[in-house]
C-alpha atoms as a PDB file:
ATOM      1  CA  MET A   1     -25.481 -11.517   6.105  1.00  0.00           C
ATOM      2  CA  GLN A   2     -22.514 -10.890   8.416  1.00  0.00           C
ATOM      3  CA  THR A   3     -22.952  -9.678  12.081  1.00  0.00           C
ATOM      4  CA  ILE A   4     -21.197  -6.579  13.219  1.00  0.00           C
ATOM      5  CA  SER A   5     -18.911  -8.903  15.324  1.00  0.00           C
ATOM      6  CA  GLU A   6     -17.897 -10.755  12.185  1.00  0.00           C
ATOM      7  CA  GLN A   7     -17.562  -7.690  10.186  1.00  0.00           C
ATOM      8  CA  ILE A   8     -15.166  -6.180  12.456  1.00  0.00           C
ATOM      9  CA  GLY A   9     -13.330  -9.486  13.019  1.00  0.00           C
ATOM     10  CA  ALA A  10     -12.894  -9.781   9.078  1.00  0.00           C
ATOM     11  CA  ILE A  11     -11.568  -5.917   8.820  1.00  0.00           C
ATOM     12  CA  ILE A  12      -9.151  -7.059  11.771  1.00  0.00           C
ATOM     13  CA  ARG A  13      -8.145 -10.163   9.998  1.00  0.00           C
ATOM     14  CA  THR A  14      -7.455  -8.451   6.724  1.00  0.00           C
ATOM     15  CA  LEU A  15      -5.287  -5.552   8.201  1.00  0.00           C
ATOM     16  CA  ARG A  16      -3.250  -7.898  10.247  1.00  0.00           C
ATOM     17  CA  LYS A  17      -2.311 -10.036   7.382  1.00  0.00           C
ATOM     18  CA  GLU A  18      -1.787  -7.018   5.339  1.00  0.00           C
ATOM     19  CA  LYS A  19       0.865  -5.654   7.976  1.00  0.00           C
ATOM     20  CA  GLY A  20       2.369  -9.234   8.176  1.00  0.00           C
ATOM     21  CA  LEU A  21       1.414 -10.061  11.676  1.00  0.00           C
ATOM     22  CA  THR A  22       0.644 -13.442  13.207  1.00  0.00           C
ATOM     23  CA  GLN A  23      -2.349 -13.512  15.505  1.00  0.00           C
ATOM     24  CA  GLN A  24       0.168 -14.369  18.339  1.00  0.00           C
ATOM     25  CA  THR A  25       2.026 -10.943  17.667  1.00  0.00           C
ATOM     26  CA  LEU A  26      -1.203  -9.056  17.717  1.00  0.00           C
ATOM     27  CA  ALA A  27      -2.066 -10.751  20.778  1.00  0.00           C
ATOM     28  CA  ASP A  28       1.299  -9.966  22.375  1.00  0.00           C
ATOM     29  CA  GLU A  29       0.798  -6.238  21.307  1.00  0.00           C
ATOM     30  CA  ILE A  30      -2.469  -5.931  23.068  1.00  0.00           C
ATOM     31  CA  GLY A  31      -1.760  -8.164  26.166  1.00  0.00           C
ATOM     32  CA  SER A  32      -3.968 -11.187  25.068  1.00  0.00           C
ATOM     33  CA  SER A  33      -3.920 -14.737  23.576  1.00  0.00           C
ATOM     34  CA  PHE A  34      -3.721 -15.670  20.000  1.00  0.00           C
ATOM     35  CA  SER A  35      -6.797 -17.856  20.511  1.00  0.00           C
ATOM     36  CA  TYR A  36      -8.671 -14.645  21.621  1.00  0.00           C
ATOM     37  CA  ILE A  37      -7.486 -12.741  18.466  1.00  0.00           C
ATOM     38  CA  GLY A  38      -8.702 -15.810  16.683  1.00  0.00           C
ATOM     39  CA  ARG A  39     -12.174 -15.574  18.213  1.00  0.00           C
ATOM     40  CA  VAL A  40     -12.261 -11.870  17.618  1.00  0.00           C
ATOM     41  CA  GLU A  41     -11.507 -12.379  14.005  1.00  0.00           C
ATOM     42  CA  ARG A  42     -14.145 -14.984  13.580  1.00  0.00           C
ATOM     43  CA  GLY A  43     -16.912 -12.696  15.224  1.00  0.00           C
ATOM     44  CA  GLU A  44     -17.386 -14.858  18.122  1.00  0.00           C
ATOM     45  CA  GLY A  45     -18.938 -13.358  21.029  1.00  0.00           C
ATOM     46  CA  ASN A  46     -18.468  -9.825  21.930  1.00  0.00           C
ATOM     47  CA  VAL A  47     -15.383  -7.650  21.832  1.00  0.00           C
ATOM     48  CA  THR A  48     -15.246  -4.559  23.962  1.00  0.00           C
ATOM     49  CA  ILE A  49     -14.434  -0.975  22.627  1.00  0.00           C
ATOM     50  CA  GLU A  50     -11.403  -0.913  24.834  1.00  0.00           C
ATOM     51  CA  THR A  51     -10.082  -4.204  23.122  1.00  0.00           C
ATOM     52  CA  ILE A  52     -10.952  -2.753  19.777  1.00  0.00           C
ATOM     53  CA  ILE A  53      -9.283   0.352  20.391  1.00  0.00           C
ATOM     54  CA  LYS A  54      -6.116  -1.657  21.405  1.00  0.00           C
ATOM     55  CA  ILE A  55      -6.257  -3.639  18.273  1.00  0.00           C
ATOM     56  CA  ALA A  56      -6.422  -0.613  16.210  1.00  0.00           C
ATOM     57  CA  ALA A  57      -3.495   1.138  17.954  1.00  0.00           C
ATOM     58  CA  ALA A  58      -1.366  -2.213  17.481  1.00  0.00           C
ATOM     59  CA  LEU A  59      -2.488  -2.271  13.516  1.00  0.00           C
ATOM     60  CA  ASN A  60      -1.496   1.615  13.227  1.00  0.00           C
ATOM     61  CA  ILE A  61      -5.094   2.436  12.380  1.00  0.00           C
ATOM     62  CA  GLY A  62      -7.527   4.963  14.323  1.00  0.00           C
ATOM     63  CA  PHE A  63     -10.523   3.333  15.981  1.00  0.00           C
ATOM     64  CA  PHE A  64     -12.786   5.476  14.145  1.00  0.00           C
ATOM     65  CA  GLU A  65     -10.905   4.826  10.742  1.00  0.00           C
ATOM     66  CA  LEU A  66     -11.347   1.030  11.700  1.00  0.00           C
ATOM     67  CA  MET A  67     -14.941   1.436  12.506  1.00  0.00           C
ATOM     68  CA  SER A  68     -15.635   2.984   9.019  1.00  0.00           C
ATOM     69  CA  LEU A  69     -13.985   0.359   7.131  1.00  0.00           C
ATOM     70  CA  GLY A  70     -17.062  -1.938   8.073  1.00  0.00           C
ATOM     71  CA  GLY A  71     -19.471  -0.078   5.380  1.00  0.00           C
ATOM     72  CA  LYS A  72     -16.788  -1.715   2.811  1.00  0.00           C
ATOM     73  CA  GLN A  73     -16.411  -4.959   4.028  1.00  0.00           C
ATOM     74  CA  ASP A  74     -18.388  -6.637   1.248  1.00  0.00           C
ATOM     75  CA  ASN A  75     -15.574  -5.320  -0.923  1.00  0.00           C
ATOM     76  CA  GLU A  76     -12.345  -7.261   0.086  1.00  0.00           C
ATOM     77  CA  THR A  77     -10.360  -5.629  -2.754  1.00  0.00           C
ATOM     78  CA  ILE A  78     -11.229  -2.126  -1.414  1.00  0.00           C
ATOM     79  CA  LEU A  79     -10.281  -3.249   2.321  1.00  0.00           C
ATOM     80  CA  ALA A  80      -6.919  -4.556   0.759  1.00  0.00           C
ATOM     81  CA  LEU A  81      -5.946  -1.339  -0.983  1.00  0.00           C
ATOM     82  CA  HIS A  82      -6.763   0.572   2.076  1.00  0.00           C
ATOM     83  CA  ALA A  83      -4.650  -1.733   4.372  1.00  0.00           C
ATOM     84  CA  PHE A  84      -1.940  -1.433   1.699  1.00  0.00           C
ATOM     85  CA  LEU A  85      -2.028   2.608   1.900  1.00  0.00           C
ATOM     86  CA  LEU A  86      -1.976   2.670   5.581  1.00  0.00           C
ATOM     87  CA  ASN A  87       1.655   2.115   5.564  1.00  0.00           C
ATOM     88  CA  LYS A  88       2.499   4.829   2.985  1.00  0.00           C
ATOM     89  CA  SER A  89       3.128   8.449   3.033  1.00  0.00           C
ATOM     90  CA  GLU A  90       0.770  11.299   2.073  1.00  0.00           C
ATOM     91  CA  LYS A  91       2.975  11.758  -1.036  1.00  0.00           C
ATOM     92  CA  GLU A  92       2.594   8.030  -1.781  1.00  0.00           C
ATOM     93  CA  HIS A  93      -1.124   8.287  -1.499  1.00  0.00           C
ATOM     94  CA  ARG A  94      -1.130  11.080  -4.131  1.00  0.00           C
ATOM     95  CA  LYS A  95       1.168   9.302  -6.302  1.00  0.00           C
ATOM     96  CA  ALA A  96      -1.319   6.070  -6.101  1.00  0.00           C
ATOM     97  CA  LEU A  97      -4.315   8.021  -6.590  1.00  0.00           C
ATOM     98  CA  ASN A  98      -2.799   9.881  -9.613  1.00  0.00           C
ATOM     99  CA  ILE A  99      -1.933   6.507 -11.267  1.00  0.00           C
ATOM    100  CA  LEU A 100      -5.620   5.335 -10.591  1.00  0.00           C
ATOM    101  CA  LYS A 101      -6.931   8.339 -12.050  1.00  0.00           C
ATOM    102  CA  GLU A 102      -4.725   7.856 -15.146  1.00  0.00           C
ATOM    103  CA  VAL A 103      -5.782   4.258 -15.426  1.00  0.00           C
ATOM    104  CA  PHE A 104      -9.290   5.165 -15.484  1.00  0.00           C
ATOM    105  CA  ASP A 105      -8.817   8.396 -17.568  1.00  0.00           C
ATOM    106  CA  ASP A 106      -9.679  10.899 -15.018  1.00  0.00           C
ATOM    107  CA  ASP A 107      -8.423  14.552 -15.397  1.00  0.00           C
ATOM    108  CA  ASN A 108      -8.685  15.458 -11.837  1.00  0.00           C
ATOM    109  CA  LYS A 109      -5.463  14.909 -10.804  1.00  0.00           C
ATOM    110  CA  PHE A 110      -3.723  16.268  -7.393  1.00  0.00           C
END
């Protein structure tokens, strides 16, 4: 079972990659080093809430939204879908939801 630090790190790594950022780019955004980002992504040591807030902002996601993804850490596909949709508009979210509902034969379209 992963520790909380490892879960947060895995989420950060997935979101960073989905946004096409390198560890160096993310580090530059938060005023840190790429080796520190690597340690955060591996869940090594304790990361401060302030640092998580900076990382979340650099990834264009809210702190609480980032934290809420922790419950989904066992399903990388769900996390990847979420990361993909972060860059999309509300209209595109509804379109994606309707497509999924169509694929799974759900009549409750938005």
